[in-house]
C-alpha cells in the first residue's frame, strides 16, 4: 500500500468505484476476468488489501442490484453506450 494522504485515499477509492461501475457496465468485475486484472486489480496495491476488499465487496453488492441495458445511445461516431438500471 502506498502512503496516501486522506485526499489521495478518497480520490483513489472513488476512482476504483467508478472503474468498477464501468467494468460492470461494459464487461465483468469477477476476479478471474480480464477486466478485473486489467483495470481493477491495480487498486489493491494502491489502497492495500483490507481497504480494497471492503470497497470491492461493497461495490459488487451494490452493482448486483442493477441490470445492464445495452445500446441505449449511439454517438455521432457510431459508438454505442450501455446503461445501468436498478432491478
PDB file of N, CA and C in Angstrom:
ATOM      1  N   UNK A   1       0.838  -1.180   0.000  1.00  0.00           N
ATOM      2  CA  UNK A   1       0.000   0.000   0.000  1.00  0.00           C
ATOM      3  C   UNK A   1       0.881   1.240   0.000  1.00  0.00           C
ATOM      4  N   UNK A   2       0.533   2.143  -0.885  1.00  0.00           N
ATOM      5  CA  UNK A   2       1.237   3.424  -0.912  1.00  0.00           C
ATOM      6  C   UNK A   2       0.834   4.258   0.290  1.00  0.00           C
ATOM      7  N   UNK A   3       1.701   5.160   0.690  1.00  0.00           N
ATOM      8  CA  UNK A   3       1.383   6.075   1.779  1.00  0.00           C
ATOM      9  C   UNK A   3       0.600   7.241   1.188  1.00  0.00           C
ATOM     10  N   UNK A   4      -0.729   7.204   1.306  1.00  0.00           N
ATOM     11  CA  UNK A   4      -1.604   8.196   0.693  1.00  0.00           C
ATOM     12  C   UNK A   4      -2.101   9.206   1.718  1.00  0.00           C
ATOM     13  N   UNK A   5      -2.233  10.446   1.278  1.00  0.00           N
ATOM     14  CA  UNK A   5      -2.892  11.434   2.126  1.00  0.00           C
ATOM     15  C   UNK A   5      -4.384  11.103   2.155  1.00  0.00           C
ATOM     16  N   UNK A   6      -5.118  11.721   3.043  1.00  0.00           N
ATOM     17  CA  UNK A   6      -6.553  11.472   3.136  1.00  0.00           C
ATOM     18  C   UNK A   6      -7.234  11.809   1.809  1.00  0.00           C
ATOM     19  N   UNK A   7      -6.866  12.925   1.218  1.00  0.00           N
ATOM     20  CA  UNK A   7      -7.447  13.339  -0.061  1.00  0.00           C
ATOM     21  C   UNK A   7      -7.124  12.329  -1.157  1.00  0.00           C
ATOM     22  N   UNK A   8      -5.887  11.862  -1.211  1.00  0.00           N
ATOM     23  CA  UNK A   8      -5.491  10.859  -2.211  1.00  0.00           C
ATOM     24  C   UNK A   8      -6.235   9.549  -1.993  1.00  0.00           C
ATOM     25  N   UNK A   9      -6.417   9.162  -0.740  1.00  0.00           N
ATOM     26  CA  UNK A   9      -7.147   7.932  -0.418  1.00  0.00           C
ATOM     27  C   UNK A   9      -8.599   8.035  -0.888  1.00  0.00           C
ATOM     28  N   UNK A  10      -9.246   9.138  -0.578  1.00  0.00           N
ATOM     29  CA  UNK A  10     -10.631   9.342  -1.005  1.00  0.00           C
ATOM     30  C   UNK A  10     -10.726   9.330  -2.528  1.00  0.00           C
ATOM     31  N   UNK A  11      -9.813  10.015  -3.196  1.00  0.00           N
ATOM     32  CA  UNK A  11      -9.818  10.050  -4.661  1.00  0.00           C
ATOM     33  C   UNK A  11      -9.589   8.670  -5.263  1.00  0.00           C
ATOM     34  N   UNK A  12      -8.700   7.894  -4.671  1.00  0.00           N
ATOM     35  CA  UNK A  12      -8.413   6.550  -5.164  1.00  0.00           C
ATOM     36  C   UNK A  12      -9.622   5.630  -4.973  1.00  0.00           C
ATOM     37  N   UNK A  13     -10.289   5.740  -3.842  1.00  0.00           N
ATOM     38  CA  UNK A  13     -11.487   4.932  -3.589  1.00  0.00           C
ATOM     39  C   UNK A  13     -12.580   5.288  -4.591  1.00  0.00           C
ATOM     40  N   UNK A  14     -12.800   6.563  -4.814  1.00  0.00           N
ATOM     41  CA  UNK A  14     -13.815   6.994  -5.782  1.00  0.00           C
ATOM     42  C   UNK A  14     -13.455   6.546  -7.193  1.00  0.00           C
ATOM     43  N   UNK A  15     -12.180   6.596  -7.520  1.00  0.00           N
ATOM     44  CA  UNK A  15     -11.718   6.136  -8.828  1.00  0.00           C
ATOM     45  C   UNK A  15     -11.970   4.644  -9.002  1.00  0.00           C
ATOM     46  N   UNK A  16     -11.706   3.870  -7.963  1.00  0.00           N
ATOM     47  CA  UNK A  16     -11.952   2.430  -8.012  1.00  0.00           C
ATOM     48  C   UNK A  16     -13.436   2.140  -8.193  1.00  0.00           C
ATOM     49  N   UNK A  17     -14.282   2.846  -7.463  1.00  0.00           N
ATOM     50  CA  UNK A  17     -15.725   2.645  -7.582  1.00  0.00           C
ATOM     51  C   UNK A  17     -16.201   2.953  -8.998  1.00  0.00           C
ATOM     52  N   UNK A  18     -15.724   4.042  -9.551  1.00  0.00           N
ATOM     53  CA  UNK A  18     -16.101   4.431 -10.913  1.00  0.00           C
ATOM     54  C   UNK A  18     -15.613   3.404 -11.921  1.00  0.00           C
ATOM     55  N   UNK A  19     -14.405   2.908 -11.735  1.00  0.00           N
ATOM     56  CA  UNK A  19     -13.855   1.902 -12.642  1.00  0.00           C
ATOM     57  C   UNK A  19     -14.660   0.611 -12.548  1.00  0.00           C
ATOM     58  N   UNK A  20     -15.027   0.213 -11.345  1.00  0.00           N
ATOM     59  CA  UNK A  20     -15.834  -1.000 -11.191  1.00  0.00           C
ATOM     60  C   UNK A  20     -17.192  -0.844 -11.875  1.00  0.00           C
ATOM     61  N   UNK A  21     -17.782   0.328 -11.741  1.00  0.00           N
ATOM     62  CA  UNK A  21     -19.068   0.576 -12.388  1.00  0.00           C
ATOM     63  C   UNK A  21     -18.928   0.479 -13.909  1.00  0.00           C
ATOM     64  N   UNK A  22     -17.885   1.042 -14.444  1.00  0.00           N
ATOM     65  CA  UNK A  22     -17.646   0.974 -15.881  1.00  0.00           C
ATOM     66  C   UNK A  22     -17.393  -0.457 -16.344  1.00  0.00           C
ATOM     67  N   UNK A  23     -16.555  -1.182 -15.604  1.00  0.00           N
ATOM     68  CA  UNK A  23     -16.268  -2.575 -15.961  1.00  0.00           C
ATOM     69  C   UNK A  23     -17.527  -3.430 -15.874  1.00  0.00           C
ATOM     70  N   UNK A  24     -18.356  -3.193 -14.896  1.00  0.00           N
ATOM     71  CA  UNK A  24     -19.612  -3.936 -14.755  1.00  0.00           C
ATOM     72  C   UNK A  24     -20.534  -3.633 -15.941  1.00  0.00           C
ATOM     73  N   UNK A  25     -20.591  -2.382 -16.341  1.00  0.00           N
ATOM     74  CA  UNK A  25     -21.485  -1.950 -17.413  1.00  0.00           C
ATOM     75  C   UNK A  25     -21.052  -2.477 -18.775  1.00  0.00           C
ATOM     76  N   UNK A  26     -19.740  -2.605 -18.981  1.00  0.00           N
ATOM     77  CA  UNK A  26     -19.229  -2.986 -20.302  1.00  0.00           C
ATOM     78  C   UNK A  26     -18.493  -4.315 -20.331  1.00  0.00           C
ATOM     79  N   UNK A  27     -18.472  -5.020 -19.228  1.00  0.00           N
ATOM     80  CA  UNK A  27     -17.740  -6.286 -19.224  1.00  0.00           C
ATOM     81  C   UNK A  27     -18.073  -7.119 -18.013  1.00  0.00           C
ATOM     82  N   UNK A  28     -17.167  -7.115 -17.045  1.00  0.00           N
ATOM     83  CA  UNK A  28     -17.299  -8.010 -15.909  1.00  0.00           C
ATOM     84  C   UNK A  28     -16.388  -7.530 -14.787  1.00  0.00           C
ATOM     85  N   UNK A  29     -16.801  -7.756 -13.541  1.00  0.00           N
ATOM     86  CA  UNK A  29     -15.932  -7.406 -12.409  1.00  0.00           C
ATOM     87  C   UNK A  29     -15.461  -8.639 -11.640  1.00  0.00           C
ATOM     88  N   UNK A  30     -15.772  -9.834 -12.142  1.00  0.00           N
ATOM     89  CA  UNK A  30     -15.314 -11.054 -11.481  1.00  0.00           C
ATOM     90  C   UNK A  30     -13.794 -11.057 -11.380  1.00  0.00           C
ATOM     91  N   UNK A  31     -13.284 -11.551 -10.269  1.00  0.00           N
ATOM     92  CA  UNK A  31     -11.845 -11.503 -10.022  1.00  0.00           C
ATOM     93  C   UNK A  31     -11.023 -12.327 -11.004  1.00  0.00           C
ATOM     94  N   UNK A  32     -11.638 -13.256 -11.718  1.00  0.00           N
ATOM     95  CA  UNK A  32     -10.893 -14.028 -12.712  1.00  0.00           C
ATOM     96  C   UNK A  32     -11.073 -13.480 -14.130  1.00  0.00           C
ATOM     97  N   UNK A  33     -11.670 -12.298 -14.246  1.00  0.00           N
ATOM     98  CA  UNK A  33     -11.926 -11.715 -15.571  1.00  0.00           C
ATOM     99  C   UNK A  33     -10.776 -10.835 -16.045  1.00  0.00           C
ATOM    100  N   UNK A  34     -10.733 -10.647 -17.337  1.00  0.00           N
ATOM    101  CA  UNK A  34      -9.746  -9.750 -17.945  1.00  0.00           C
ATOM    102  C   UNK A  34      -9.954  -8.322 -17.453  1.00  0.00           C
ATOM    103  N   UNK A  35     -11.192  -7.875 -17.356  1.00  0.00           N
ATOM    104  CA  UNK A  35     -11.474  -6.516 -16.905  1.00  0.00           C
ATOM    105  C   UNK A  35     -10.939  -6.286 -15.486  1.00  0.00           C
ATOM    106  N   UNK A  36     -11.097  -7.283 -14.628  1.00  0.00           N
ATOM    107  CA  UNK A  36     -10.586  -7.150 -13.268  1.00  0.00           C
ATOM    108  C   UNK A  36      -9.072  -7.005 -13.285  1.00  0.00           C
ATOM    109  N   UNK A  37      -8.388  -7.918 -13.952  1.00  0.00           N
ATOM    110  CA  UNK A  37      -6.921  -7.883 -13.932  1.00  0.00           C
ATOM    111  C   UNK A  37      -6.370  -6.642 -14.627  1.00  0.00           C
ATOM    112  N   UNK A  38      -7.055  -6.173 -15.645  1.00  0.00           N
ATOM    113  CA  UNK A  38      -6.581  -5.025 -16.426  1.00  0.00           C
ATOM    114  C   UNK A  38      -6.885  -3.696 -15.759  1.00  0.00           C
ATOM    115  N   UNK A  39      -8.051  -3.560 -15.142  1.00  0.00           N
ATOM    116  CA  UNK A  39      -8.495  -2.249 -14.673  1.00  0.00           C
ATOM    117  C   UNK A  39      -8.719  -2.105 -13.173  1.00  0.00           C
ATOM    118  N   UNK A  40      -9.056  -3.178 -12.484  1.00  0.00           N
ATOM    119  CA  UNK A  40      -9.441  -3.062 -11.075  1.00  0.00           C
ATOM    120  C   UNK A  40      -8.325  -3.486 -10.119  1.00  0.00           C
ATOM    121  N   UNK A  41      -7.594  -4.526 -10.466  1.00  0.00           N
ATOM    122  CA  UNK A  41      -6.592  -5.095  -9.554  1.00  0.00           C
ATOM    123  C   UNK A  41      -5.536  -4.093  -9.110  1.00  0.00           C
ATOM    124  N   UNK A  42      -5.221  -3.121  -9.949  1.00  0.00           N
ATOM    125  CA  UNK A  42      -4.178  -2.143  -9.610  1.00  0.00           C
ATOM    126  C   UNK A  42      -4.507  -1.354  -8.339  1.00  0.00           C
ATOM    127  N   UNK A  43      -5.779  -1.259  -8.019  1.00  0.00           N
ATOM    128  CA  UNK A  43      -6.174  -0.502  -6.823  1.00  0.00           C
ATOM    129  C   UNK A  43      -5.788  -1.222  -5.533  1.00  0.00           C
ATOM    130  N   UNK A  44      -5.594  -2.533  -5.595  1.00  0.00           N
ATOM    131  CA  UNK A  44      -5.200  -3.261  -4.384  1.00  0.00           C
ATOM    132  C   UNK A  44      -3.831  -2.806  -3.902  1.00  0.00           C
ATOM    133  N   UNK A  45      -2.905  -2.603  -4.824  1.00  0.00           N
ATOM    134  CA  UNK A  45      -1.571  -2.134  -4.448  1.00  0.00           C
ATOM    135  C   UNK A  45      -1.639  -0.710  -3.895  1.00  0.00           C
ATOM    136  N   UNK A  46      -2.480   0.091  -4.497  1.00  0.00           N
ATOM    137  CA  UNK A  46      -2.594   1.482  -4.087  1.00  0.00           C
ATOM    138  C   UNK A  46      -3.296   1.637  -2.734  1.00  0.00           C
ATOM    139  N   UNK A  47      -4.359   0.865  -2.525  1.00  0.00           N
ATOM    140  CA  UNK A  47      -5.182   1.017  -1.314  1.00  0.00           C
ATOM    141  C   UNK A  47      -4.817   0.056  -0.192  1.00  0.00           C
ATOM    142  N   UNK A  48      -4.142  -1.026  -0.529  1.00  0.00           N
ATOM    143  CA  UNK A  48      -3.893  -2.080   0.439  1.00  0.00           C
ATOM    144  C   UNK A  48      -5.023  -3.091   0.394  1.00  0.00           C
ATOM    145  N   UNK A  49      -4.733  -4.316   0.753  1.00  0.00           N
ATOM    146  CA  UNK A  49      -5.691  -5.415   0.621  1.00  0.00           C
ATOM    147  C   UNK A  49      -6.969  -5.212   1.420  1.00  0.00           C
ATOM    148  N   UNK A  50      -6.848  -4.722   2.648  1.00  0.00           N
ATOM    149  CA  UNK A  50      -8.027  -4.592   3.508  1.00  0.00           C
ATOM    150  C   UNK A  50      -9.042  -3.589   2.941  1.00  0.00           C
ATOM    151  N   UNK A  51      -8.584  -2.404   2.617  1.00  0.00           N
ATOM    152  CA  UNK A  51      -9.484  -1.383   2.068  1.00  0.00           C
ATOM    153  C   UNK A  51      -9.996  -1.821   0.704  1.00  0.00           C
ATOM    154  N   UNK A  52      -9.105  -2.389  -0.116  1.00  0.00           N
ATOM    155  CA  UNK A  52      -9.507  -2.854  -1.443  1.00  0.00           C
ATOM    156  C   UNK A  52     -10.650  -3.866  -1.343  1.00  0.00           C
ATOM    157  N   UNK A  53     -10.512  -4.853  -0.488  1.00  0.00           N
ATOM    158  CA  UNK A  53     -11.538  -5.890  -0.345  1.00  0.00           C
ATOM    159  C   UNK A  53     -12.858  -5.312   0.161  1.00  0.00           C
ATOM    160  N   UNK A  54     -12.781  -4.357   1.079  1.00  0.00           N
ATOM    161  CA  UNK A  54     -14.003  -3.720   1.580  1.00  0.00           C
ATOM    162  C   UNK A  54     -14.731  -3.000   0.453  1.00  0.00           C
ATOM    163  N   UNK A  55     -14.003  -2.214  -0.328  1.00  0.00           N
ATOM    164  CA  UNK A  55     -14.604  -1.448  -1.415  1.00  0.00           C
ATOM    165  C   UNK A  55     -15.106  -2.398  -2.500  1.00  0.00           C
ATOM    166  N   UNK A  56     -14.301  -3.398  -2.842  1.00  0.00           N
ATOM    167  CA  UNK A  56     -14.701  -4.352  -3.881  1.00  0.00           C
ATOM    168  C   UNK A  56     -16.004  -5.060  -3.493  1.00  0.00           C
ATOM    169  N   UNK A  57     -16.076  -5.560  -2.267  1.00  0.00           N
ATOM    170  CA  UNK A  57     -17.274  -6.275  -1.802  1.00  0.00           C
ATOM    171  C   UNK A  57     -18.490  -5.357  -1.782  1.00  0.00           C
ATOM    172  N   UNK A  58     -18.309  -4.150  -1.282  1.00  0.00           N
ATOM    173  CA  UNK A  58     -19.406  -3.187  -1.217  1.00  0.00           C
ATOM    174  C   UNK A  58     -19.930  -2.866  -2.617  1.00  0.00           C
ATOM    175  N   UNK A  59     -19.037  -2.572  -3.548  1.00  0.00           N
ATOM    176  CA  UNK A  59     -19.453  -2.206  -4.901  1.00  0.00           C
ATOM    177  C   UNK A  59     -20.055  -3.399  -5.651  1.00  0.00           C
ATOM    178  N   UNK A  60     -19.488  -4.575  -5.480  1.00  0.00           N
ATOM    179  CA  UNK A  60     -20.033  -5.765  -6.134  1.00  0.00           C
ATOM    180  C   UNK A  60     -21.470  -5.999  -5.668  1.00  0.00           C
ATOM    181  N   UNK A  61     -21.716  -5.817  -4.379  1.00  0.00           N
ATOM    182  CA  UNK A  61     -23.052  -5.976  -3.837  1.00  0.00           C
ATOM    183  C   UNK A  61     -23.999  -4.909  -4.401  1.00  0.00           C
ATOM    184  N   UNK A  62     -23.565  -3.666  -4.433  1.00  0.00           N
ATOM    185  CA  UNK A  62     -24.390  -2.590  -4.979  1.00  0.00           C
ATOM    186  C   UNK A  62     -24.687  -2.810  -6.464  1.00  0.00           C
ATOM    187  N   UNK A  63     -23.673  -3.169  -7.225  1.00  0.00           N
ATOM    188  CA  UNK A  63     -23.852  -3.334  -8.671  1.00  0.00           C
ATOM    189  C   UNK A  63     -24.750  -4.518  -9.014  1.00  0.00           C
ATOM    190  N   UNK A  64     -24.790  -5.519  -8.148  1.00  0.00           N
ATOM    191  CA  UNK A  64     -25.639  -6.682  -8.418  1.00  0.00           C
ATOM    192  C   UNK A  64     -27.123  -6.319  -8.390  1.00  0.00           C
ATOM    193  N   UNK A  65     -27.434  -5.148  -7.898  1.00  0.00           N
ATOM    194  CA  UNK A  65     -28.813  -4.681  -7.845  1.00  0.00           C
ATOM    195  C   UNK A  65     -29.233  -3.965  -9.136  1.00  0.00           C
ATOM    196  N   UNK A  66     -28.339  -3.960 -10.122  1.00  0.00           N
ATOM    197  CA  UNK A  66     -28.608  -3.290 -11.395  1.00  0.00           C
ATOM    198  C   UNK A  66     -28.552  -4.283 -12.542  1.00  0.00           C
ATOM    199  N   UNK A  67     -29.305  -3.972 -13.579  1.00  0.00           N
ATOM    200  CA  UNK A  67     -29.199  -4.728 -14.815  1.00  0.00           C
ATOM    201  C   UNK A  67     -28.617  -3.794 -15.874  1.00  0.00           C
ATOM    202  N   UNK A  68     -28.046  -4.381 -16.894  1.00  0.00           N
ATOM    203  CA  UNK A  68     -27.402  -3.598 -17.950  1.00  0.00           C
ATOM    204  C   UNK A  68     -28.334  -3.513 -19.147  1.00  0.00           C
ATOM    205  N   UNK A  69     -28.623  -2.300 -19.557  1.00  0.00           N
ATOM    206  CA  UNK A  69     -29.360  -2.075 -20.796  1.00  0.00           C
ATOM    207  C   UNK A  69     -28.314  -1.737 -21.856  1.00  0.00           C
ATOM    208  N   UNK A  70     -28.305  -2.528 -22.906  1.00  0.00           N
ATOM    209  CA  UNK A  70     -27.301  -2.373 -23.956  1.00  0.00           C
ATOM    210  C   UNK A  70     -27.781  -1.432 -25.054  1.00  0.00           C
ATOM    211  N   UNK A  71     -26.813  -0.730 -25.634  1.00  0.00           N
ATOM    212  CA  UNK A  71     -27.042   0.116 -26.810  1.00  0.00           C
ATOM    213  C   UNK A  71     -28.156   1.145 -26.614  1.00  0.00           C
ATOM    214  N   UNK A  72     -28.117   1.850 -25.495  1.00  0.00           N
ATOM    215  CA  UNK A  72     -29.156   2.846 -25.219  1.00  0.00           C
ATOM    216  C   UNK A  72     -28.896   4.173 -25.928  1.00  0.00           C
ATOM    217  N   UNK A  73     -27.669   4.353 -26.400  1.00  0.00           N
ATOM    218  CA  UNK A  73     -27.322   5.608 -27.081  1.00  0.00           C
ATOM    219  C   UNK A  73     -26.214   5.312 -28.089  1.00  0.00           C
ATOM    220  N   UNK A  74     -26.267   5.975 -29.211  1.00  0.00           N
ATOM    221  CA  UNK A  74     -25.213   5.888 -30.219  1.00  0.00           C
ATOM    222  C   UNK A  74     -24.735   7.300 -30.519  1.00  0.00           C
ATOM    223  N   UNK A  75     -23.440   7.527 -30.414  1.00  0.00           N
ATOM    224  CA  UNK A  75     -22.919   8.870 -30.676  1.00  0.00           C
ATOM    225  C   UNK A  75     -22.684   9.091 -32.173  1.00  0.00           C
ATOM    226  N   UNK A  76     -22.193  10.272 -32.513  1.00  0.00           N
ATOM    227  CA  UNK A  76     -22.010  10.641 -33.915  1.00  0.00           C
ATOM    228  C   UNK A  76     -20.946   9.807 -34.639  1.00  0.00           C
ATOM    229  N   UNK A  77     -20.114   9.087 -33.879  1.00  0.00           N
ATOM    230  CA  UNK A  77     -19.101   8.223 -34.486  1.00  0.00           C
ATOM    231  C   UNK A  77     -19.568   6.772 -34.587  1.00  0.00           C
ATOM    232  N   UNK A  78     -20.785   6.501 -34.131  1.00  0.00           N
ATOM    233  CA  UNK A  78     -21.333   5.155 -34.195  1.00  0.00           C
ATOM    234  C   UNK A  78     -21.037   4.290 -32.978  1.00  0.00           C
ATOM    235  N   UNK A  79     -20.406   4.862 -31.938  1.00  0.00           N
ATOM    236  CA  UNK A  79     -20.141   4.114 -30.708  1.00  0.00           C
ATOM    237  C   UNK A  79     -21.440   4.015 -29.901  1.00  0.00           C
ATOM    238  N   UNK A  80     -21.703   2.819 -29.393  1.00  0.00           N
ATOM    239  CA  UNK A  80     -22.912   2.626 -28.595  1.00  0.00           C
ATOM    240  C   UNK A  80     -22.566   2.577 -27.110  1.00  0.00           C
ATOM    241  N   UNK A  81     -23.536   2.930 -26.292  1.00  0.00           N
ATOM    242  CA  UNK A  81     -23.336   3.016 -24.860  1.00  0.00           C
ATOM    243  C   UNK A  81     -24.389   2.204 -24.128  1.00  0.00           C
ATOM    244  N   UNK A  82     -23.984   1.682 -22.980  1.00  0.00           N
ATOM    245  CA  UNK A  82     -24.870   0.917 -22.119  1.00  0.00           C
ATOM    246  C   UNK A  82     -25.281   1.773 -20.939  1.00  0.00           C
ATOM    247  N   UNK A  83     -26.262   1.278 -20.186  1.00  0.00           N
ATOM    248  CA  UNK A  83     -26.768   1.996 -19.030  1.00  0.00           C
ATOM    249  C   UNK A  83     -27.108   1.006 -17.934  1.00  0.00           C
ATOM    250  N   UNK A  84     -26.856   1.399 -16.686  1.00  0.00           N
ATOM    251  CA  UNK A  84     -27.269   0.580 -15.546  1.00  0.00           C
ATOM    252  C   UNK A  84     -28.642   1.051 -15.074  1.00  0.00           C
ATOM    253  N   UNK A  85     -29.533   0.077 -14.874  1.00  0.00           N
ATOM    254  CA  UNK A  85     -30.897   0.373 -14.430  1.00  0.00           C
ATOM    255  C   UNK A  85     -31.174  -0.480 -13.201  1.00  0.00           C
ATOM    256  N   UNK A  86     -31.678   0.144 -12.158  1.00  0.00           N
ATOM    257  CA  UNK A  86     -32.000  -0.581 -10.917  1.00  0.00           C
ATOM    258  C   UNK A  86     -33.018  -1.678 -11.220  1.00  0.00           C
ATOM    259  N   UNK A  87     -32.786  -2.875 -10.690  1.00  0.00           N
ATOM    260  CA  UNK A  87     -33.696  -4.013 -10.895  1.00  0.00           C
ATOM    261  C   UNK A  87     -35.007  -3.792 -10.174  1.00  0.00           C
TER     262      UNK A  87
END
